[in-house]
Amino acid sequence: MKRSQKEGLKSKFIEALDLPKDVVLDLPRVTVTGKIGVLIENHRGIIEYGPEKVSINTSIGLLVIRGEGLFIKYVLADEIFVEGKVRAVEFEE
């Protein structure tokens, strides 16, 4: 069975059972709180950290947060919270 067929079957199975896709597919969950903070769940580690840019590895590529005065408030096994003046949140492959 080809990879695309397996992914299609997996998606149909998830939808049929009404399971949360972010958990089953190991997708990152990103919650932006205004312009003051970003919560990233299901991460795979910090790649770059500075006051103007924070890069976090995820299952679908790098999540890059840009802004001013950025700092990591906390890091847990499955989540990271970044605070500061958030200007942009984007995925890079």
C-alpha atoms as a PDB file:
ATOM      1  CA  MET A   1       0.000   0.000   0.000  1.00  0.00           C
ATOM      2  CA  LYS A   2       1.375   3.404  -0.970  1.00  0.00           C
ATOM      3  CA  ARG A   3       2.094   6.067   1.635  1.00  0.00           C
ATOM      4  CA  SER A   4      -0.624   8.395   0.316  1.00  0.00           C
ATOM      5  CA  GLN A   5      -3.179   5.573   0.547  1.00  0.00           C
ATOM      6  CA  LYS A   6      -2.132   4.839   4.146  1.00  0.00           C
ATOM      7  CA  GLU A   7      -2.441   8.516   5.061  1.00  0.00           C
ATOM      8  CA  GLY A   8      -5.878   8.651   3.438  1.00  0.00           C
ATOM      9  CA  LEU A   9      -7.060   5.604   5.368  1.00  0.00           C
ATOM     10  CA  LYS A  10      -5.633   7.016   8.594  1.00  0.00           C
ATOM     11  CA  SER A  11      -7.463  10.314   8.071  1.00  0.00           C
ATOM     12  CA  LYS A  12     -10.754   8.528   7.348  1.00  0.00           C
ATOM     13  CA  PHE A  13     -10.302   6.363  10.453  1.00  0.00           C
ATOM     14  CA  ILE A  14      -9.630   9.431  12.615  1.00  0.00           C
ATOM     15  CA  GLU A  15     -12.686  11.225  11.219  1.00  0.00           C
ATOM     16  CA  ALA A  16     -14.913   8.165  11.669  1.00  0.00           C
ATOM     17  CA  LEU A  17     -13.954   7.869  15.342  1.00  0.00           C
ATOM     18  CA  ASP A  18     -14.076  11.653  15.834  1.00  0.00           C
ATOM     19  CA  LEU A  19     -10.558  11.702  17.330  1.00  0.00           C
ATOM     20  CA  PRO A  20      -8.581  14.958  17.723  1.00  0.00           C
ATOM     21  CA  LYS A  21      -6.260  15.148  14.710  1.00  0.00           C
ATOM     22  CA  ASP A  22      -3.527  17.108  16.488  1.00  0.00           C
ATOM     23  CA  VAL A  23      -3.061  14.327  19.044  1.00  0.00           C
ATOM     24  CA  VAL A  24      -3.380  11.303  16.759  1.00  0.00           C
ATOM     25  CA  LEU A  25      -1.239  12.746  13.954  1.00  0.00           C
ATOM     26  CA  ASP A  26       1.315  14.295  16.361  1.00  0.00           C
ATOM     27  CA  LEU A  27       0.626  17.773  14.977  1.00  0.00           C
ATOM     28  CA  PRO A  28       1.715  20.879  16.865  1.00  0.00           C
ATOM     29  CA  ARG A  29      -0.979  22.967  18.516  1.00  0.00           C
ATOM     30  CA  VAL A  30      -0.215  26.694  18.529  1.00  0.00           C
ATOM     31  CA  THR A  31      -2.209  29.112  20.685  1.00  0.00           C
ATOM     32  CA  VAL A  32      -1.514  32.822  20.230  1.00  0.00           C
ATOM     33  CA  THR A  33      -2.604  35.147  23.023  1.00  0.00           C
ATOM     34  CA  GLY A  34      -2.950  38.576  21.453  1.00  0.00           C
ATOM     35  CA  LYS A  35       0.499  39.993  20.760  1.00  0.00           C
ATOM     36  CA  ILE A  36       1.956  38.951  24.102  1.00  0.00           C
ATOM     37  CA  GLY A  37       2.451  35.192  24.034  1.00  0.00           C
ATOM     38  CA  VAL A  38       2.503  31.920  22.125  1.00  0.00           C
ATOM     39  CA  LEU A  39       1.881  28.438  23.547  1.00  0.00           C
ATOM     40  CA  ILE A  40       3.270  25.560  21.485  1.00  0.00           C
ATOM     41  CA  GLU A  41       2.152  22.014  22.299  1.00  0.00           C
ATOM     42  CA  ASN A  42       3.569  18.793  20.779  1.00  0.00           C
ATOM     43  CA  HIS A  43       6.977  20.361  20.058  1.00  0.00           C
ATOM     44  CA  ARG A  44      10.265  18.591  19.334  1.00  0.00           C
ATOM     45  CA  GLY A  45      12.715  21.037  20.896  1.00  0.00           C
ATOM     46  CA  ILE A  46      14.118  24.539  20.652  1.00  0.00           C
ATOM     47  CA  ILE A  47      16.365  25.188  17.645  1.00  0.00           C
ATOM     48  CA  GLU A  48      17.114  28.913  18.042  1.00  0.00           C
ATOM     49  CA  TYR A  49      16.459  31.330  20.876  1.00  0.00           C
ATOM     50  CA  GLY A  50      16.960  35.084  20.971  1.00  0.00           C
ATOM     51  CA  PRO A  51      15.078  38.278  21.888  1.00  0.00           C
ATOM     52  CA  GLU A  52      13.881  38.782  18.288  1.00  0.00           C
ATOM     53  CA  LYS A  53      13.454  35.196  17.055  1.00  0.00           C
ATOM     54  CA  VAL A  54      12.558  31.827  18.567  1.00  0.00           C
ATOM     55  CA  SER A  55      12.590  28.710  16.350  1.00  0.00           C
ATOM     56  CA  ILE A  56      10.956  25.515  17.575  1.00  0.00           C
ATOM     57  CA  ASN A  57      11.090  22.129  15.871  1.00  0.00           C
ATOM     58  CA  THR A  58       7.753  20.402  15.209  1.00  0.00           C
ATOM     59  CA  SER A  59       6.611  17.318  13.326  1.00  0.00           C
ATOM     60  CA  ILE A  60       5.730  19.471  10.295  1.00  0.00           C
ATOM     61  CA  GLY A  61       8.767  21.770  10.224  1.00  0.00           C
ATOM     62  CA  LEU A  62      10.114  24.767  12.091  1.00  0.00           C
ATOM     63  CA  LEU A  63       7.755  27.110  13.888  1.00  0.00           C
ATOM     64  CA  VAL A  64       9.329  30.580  13.933  1.00  0.00           C
ATOM     65  CA  ILE A  65       8.173  33.316  16.288  1.00  0.00           C
ATOM     66  CA  ARG A  66       9.448  36.836  15.556  1.00  0.00           C
ATOM     67  CA  GLY A  67       9.098  39.895  17.718  1.00  0.00           C
ATOM     68  CA  GLU A  68      10.772  42.031  20.364  1.00  0.00           C
ATOM     69  CA  GLY A  69      11.850  41.121  23.863  1.00  0.00           C
ATOM     70  CA  LEU A  70      10.952  37.477  23.332  1.00  0.00           C
ATOM     71  CA  PHE A  71      11.745  35.057  26.134  1.00  0.00           C
ATOM     72  CA  ILE A  72      10.788  31.520  27.013  1.00  0.00           C
ATOM     73  CA  LYS A  73       8.629  31.621  30.121  1.00  0.00           C
ATOM     74  CA  TYR A  74       8.629  27.842  30.532  1.00  0.00           C
ATOM     75  CA  VAL A  75       9.479  24.582  28.787  1.00  0.00           C
ATOM     76  CA  LEU A  76       7.799  21.267  29.574  1.00  0.00           C
ATOM     77  CA  ALA A  77       8.162  17.904  27.858  1.00  0.00           C
ATOM     78  CA  ASP A  78       5.196  18.635  25.591  1.00  0.00           C
ATOM     79  CA  GLU A  79       4.786  22.430  25.641  1.00  0.00           C
ATOM     80  CA  ILE A  80       6.691  25.716  25.443  1.00  0.00           C
ATOM     81  CA  PHE A  81       5.402  29.188  26.281  1.00  0.00           C
ATOM     82  CA  VAL A  82       7.065  32.216  24.649  1.00  0.00           C
ATOM     83  CA  GLU A  83       6.300  35.739  25.877  1.00  0.00           C
ATOM     84  CA  GLY A  84       7.192  39.167  24.548  1.00  0.00           C
ATOM     85  CA  LYS A  85       5.966  41.485  21.818  1.00  0.00           C
ATOM     86  CA  VAL A  86       4.934  38.968  19.143  1.00  0.00           C
ATOM     87  CA  ARG A  87       5.042  40.270  15.569  1.00  0.00           C
ATOM     88  CA  ALA A  88       4.740  37.039  13.538  1.00  0.00           C
ATOM     89  CA  VAL A  89       4.234  33.303  13.911  1.00  0.00           C
ATOM     90  CA  GLU A  90       4.969  31.158  10.861  1.00  0.00           C
ATOM     91  CA  PHE A  91       5.966  27.670   9.760  1.00  0.00           C
ATOM     92  CA  GLU A  92       9.107  27.114   7.693  1.00  0.00           C
ATOM     93  CA  GLU A  93       9.924  23.822   5.987  1.00  0.00           C
END
